[in-house]
Amino acid sequence: MSQTCLNIRYTFVNLLKPGALTMKLKLFSTYTLPPYAAGVFRAIALIATLVLVHESLLPAGQSPSLNNFDKIMHFASYFLLTGLWALAFNGRGLLKITIILTALGFGLEVAQHVMELGRTGSIWDALANFAGCGVAALAATRIIEAEAVSHENSAPQMTG
C-alpha cells in the first residue's frame, strides 16, 4: 500500500476515535493571529455590525431598494458578519457567535415590524439571516478541521 493511502487511512481512522474533533480543535487553537490582527478584525466586525444595525433600522425609502436581491443580501450580510467575528476570535466561540448573530437578525426583523418606520419584518428575511450565519459557521468549522488535519499531518510521525 502506498504512503499516501496509509496516511489517508490513518487520518480516517483517527477521525473515528472518541474526542478526535476536540483534539483537532486543540491543535488548531495553538495557532492564533498576532494581537494586532485580532484587534483589527474585532474593530472591523464591530463596525460592520453597527452598519448592519443602522441600515436595518432606517425608515422605509432611505435604504437602497434591492427588489429580488433582498434575501441574497440578507444571506451575504450575515455570512460575512459571522466570518468576521469568527476571524476576530480565531474560531473560538463559533457557536456563541452564530447564536448571537442569528438572534440579532431575528431581533432586527421584529424591530422593523414593531417600530413605525414604514418597514415590515419578514420571517423570510430572518431565515435568510439564519442561513447566512449557519453556512458561515459550517464553513469556518470545515476550515478549522482542515487546518487541524494539516497540522496533524505535518507533525513529525513517530515510529515504533
Protein backbone atom coordinates (compact mmCIF):
# COMPACT_ATOMS: atom_id res chain seq x y z
CA MET A 1 0.00 0.00 0.00
CA SER A 2 1.37 3.43 -0.88
CA GLN A 3 2.33 6.00 1.76
CA THR A 4 -0.50 8.30 0.60
CA CYS A 5 -3.08 5.54 1.10
CA LEU A 6 -1.66 4.78 4.54
CA ASN A 7 -1.86 8.47 5.52
CA ILE A 8 -5.48 8.74 4.33
CA ARG A 9 -6.42 5.54 6.17
CA TYR A 10 -4.61 6.72 9.31
CA THR A 11 -6.39 10.09 9.20
CA PHE A 12 -9.80 8.47 8.62
CA VAL A 13 -9.32 6.01 11.49
CA ASN A 14 -8.27 8.86 13.79
CA LEU A 15 -11.40 10.82 12.86
CA LEU A 16 -13.49 7.94 14.19
CA LYS A 17 -11.82 7.93 17.61
CA PRO A 18 -13.75 9.49 20.50
CA GLY A 19 -12.58 13.04 21.12
CA ALA A 20 -10.91 13.34 17.70
CA LEU A 21 -12.60 16.64 16.93
CA THR A 22 -11.65 18.04 20.33
CA MET A 23 -8.04 17.03 19.73
CA LYS A 24 -8.05 18.68 16.33
CA LEU A 25 -9.55 21.90 17.68
CA LYS A 26 -6.89 21.97 20.39
CA LEU A 27 -4.24 21.62 17.67
CA PHE A 28 -5.83 24.48 15.73
CA SER A 29 -6.08 26.68 18.80
CA THR A 30 -2.31 26.66 19.10
CA TYR A 31 -2.29 28.94 16.05
CA THR A 32 -3.51 32.42 16.78
CA LEU A 33 -3.49 35.66 14.90
CA PRO A 34 -1.00 38.26 16.05
CA PRO A 35 -2.60 40.56 18.67
CA TYR A 36 -2.84 43.49 16.26
CA ALA A 37 -4.59 41.36 13.62
CA ALA A 38 -7.21 40.06 16.05
CA GLY A 39 -7.81 43.64 17.19
CA VAL A 40 -8.20 44.81 13.60
CA PHE A 41 -10.72 42.03 12.85
CA ARG A 42 -12.63 42.88 16.04
CA ALA A 43 -12.82 46.55 15.04
CA ILE A 44 -13.94 45.67 11.51
CA ALA A 45 -16.53 43.19 12.83
CA LEU A 46 -17.88 45.74 15.31
CA ILE A 47 -18.12 48.46 12.66
CA ALA A 48 -19.80 46.03 10.22
CA THR A 49 -22.29 45.04 12.92
CA LEU A 50 -23.12 48.66 13.70
CA VAL A 51 -23.56 49.46 10.00
CA LEU A 52 -25.86 46.45 9.60
CA VAL A 53 -27.99 47.51 12.59
CA HIS A 54 -28.14 51.10 11.31
CA GLU A 55 -29.13 50.07 7.79
CA SER A 56 -31.70 47.60 9.12
CA LEU A 57 -33.46 50.28 11.16
CA LEU A 58 -33.56 53.07 8.57
CA PRO A 59 -37.06 54.26 7.76
CA ALA A 60 -38.57 52.97 4.52
CA GLY A 61 -37.31 54.75 1.43
CA GLN A 62 -33.96 55.73 2.96
CA SER A 63 -32.24 52.42 2.35
CA PRO A 64 -31.36 51.29 -1.18
CA SER A 65 -34.01 49.24 -2.94
CA LEU A 66 -32.86 45.67 -3.53
CA ASN A 67 -36.01 44.16 -5.06
CA ASN A 68 -35.31 40.48 -5.82
CA PHE A 69 -31.84 40.53 -4.27
CA ASP A 70 -33.18 41.18 -0.77
CA LYS A 71 -32.80 37.60 0.53
CA ILE A 72 -29.39 37.23 -1.11
CA MET A 73 -28.24 40.42 0.61
CA HIS A 74 -29.55 39.17 3.97
CA PHE A 75 -27.74 35.87 3.50
CA ALA A 76 -24.50 37.52 2.34
CA SER A 77 -24.52 40.15 5.09
CA TYR A 78 -24.87 37.60 7.90
CA PHE A 79 -22.45 35.18 6.22
CA LEU A 80 -19.77 37.90 6.10
CA LEU A 81 -20.58 39.14 9.59
CA THR A 82 -20.27 35.65 11.06
CA GLY A 83 -16.98 35.16 9.19
CA LEU A 84 -15.60 38.46 10.51
CA TRP A 85 -16.50 37.63 14.10
CA ALA A 86 -15.04 34.11 13.68
CA LEU A 87 -11.77 35.66 12.49
CA ALA A 88 -11.86 38.19 15.32
CA PHE A 89 -11.86 35.36 17.86
CA ASN A 90 -9.68 32.85 15.96
CA GLY A 91 -12.61 30.48 15.51
CA ARG A 92 -13.22 30.19 19.25
CA GLY A 93 -16.80 30.59 20.44
CA LEU A 94 -18.19 29.94 16.97
CA LEU A 95 -21.46 28.51 18.31
CA LYS A 96 -21.97 31.56 20.55
CA ILE A 97 -21.17 33.92 17.68
CA THR A 98 -23.67 32.11 15.46
CA ILE A 99 -26.41 32.17 18.10
CA ILE A 100 -25.84 35.86 18.91
CA LEU A 101 -25.86 36.94 15.25
CA THR A 102 -28.93 34.80 14.49
CA ALA A 103 -30.70 36.41 17.47
CA LEU A 104 -29.60 39.85 16.24
CA GLY A 105 -31.05 39.13 12.78
CA PHE A 106 -34.31 37.90 14.26
CA GLY A 107 -34.45 40.85 16.68
CA LEU A 108 -33.92 43.36 13.89
CA GLU A 109 -36.75 41.82 11.90
CA VAL A 110 -39.02 42.09 14.97
CA ALA A 111 -37.87 45.70 15.49
CA GLN A 112 -38.70 46.54 11.88
CA HIS A 113 -42.17 45.15 12.39
CA VAL A 114 -42.79 46.84 15.78
CA MET A 115 -41.20 50.23 15.14
CA GLU A 116 -43.15 52.57 12.93
CA LEU A 117 -40.51 53.02 10.26
CA GLY A 118 -42.65 52.11 7.30
CA ARG A 119 -40.85 48.78 7.10
CA THR A 120 -42.11 45.32 7.79
CA GLY A 121 -40.29 42.47 9.44
CA SER A 122 -40.19 39.25 7.48
CA ILE A 123 -39.77 35.68 8.63
CA TRP A 124 -38.12 35.00 5.25
CA ASP A 125 -35.53 37.71 5.92
CA ALA A 126 -34.91 36.20 9.37
CA LEU A 127 -34.47 32.76 7.79
CA ALA A 128 -32.03 34.19 5.22
CA ASN A 129 -30.09 35.77 8.12
CA PHE A 130 -30.04 32.43 9.94
CA ALA A 131 -28.93 30.60 6.78
CA GLY A 132 -26.06 33.07 6.27
CA CYS A 133 -24.88 32.58 9.85
CA GLY A 134 -25.25 28.80 9.65
CA VAL A 135 -23.41 28.37 6.36
CA ALA A 136 -20.58 30.63 7.57
CA ALA A 137 -20.33 28.62 10.80
CA LEU A 138 -20.21 25.35 8.85
CA ALA A 139 -17.56 26.77 6.51
CA ALA A 140 -15.48 28.01 9.46
CA THR A 141 -15.78 24.60 11.14
CA ARG A 142 -14.59 22.85 7.99
CA ILE A 143 -11.66 25.25 7.69
CA ILE A 144 -10.73 24.67 11.33
CA GLU A 145 -10.93 20.89 10.87
CA ALA A 146 -8.85 21.03 7.69
CA GLU A 147 -6.26 23.18 9.44
CA ALA A 148 -6.14 20.72 12.33
CA VAL A 149 -5.63 17.79 9.94
CA SER A 150 -2.94 19.77 8.15
CA HIS A 151 -1.14 20.42 11.44
CA GLU A 152 -1.51 16.76 12.38
CA ASN A 153 -0.14 15.56 9.06
CA SER A 154 2.78 17.98 9.13
CA ALA A 155 3.81 16.94 12.64
CA PRO A 156 6.75 14.55 12.79
CA GLN A 157 5.45 10.98 12.85
CA MET A 158 6.79 8.66 15.50
CA THR A 159 7.60 5.12 14.52
CA GLY A 160 7.98 2.27 16.85
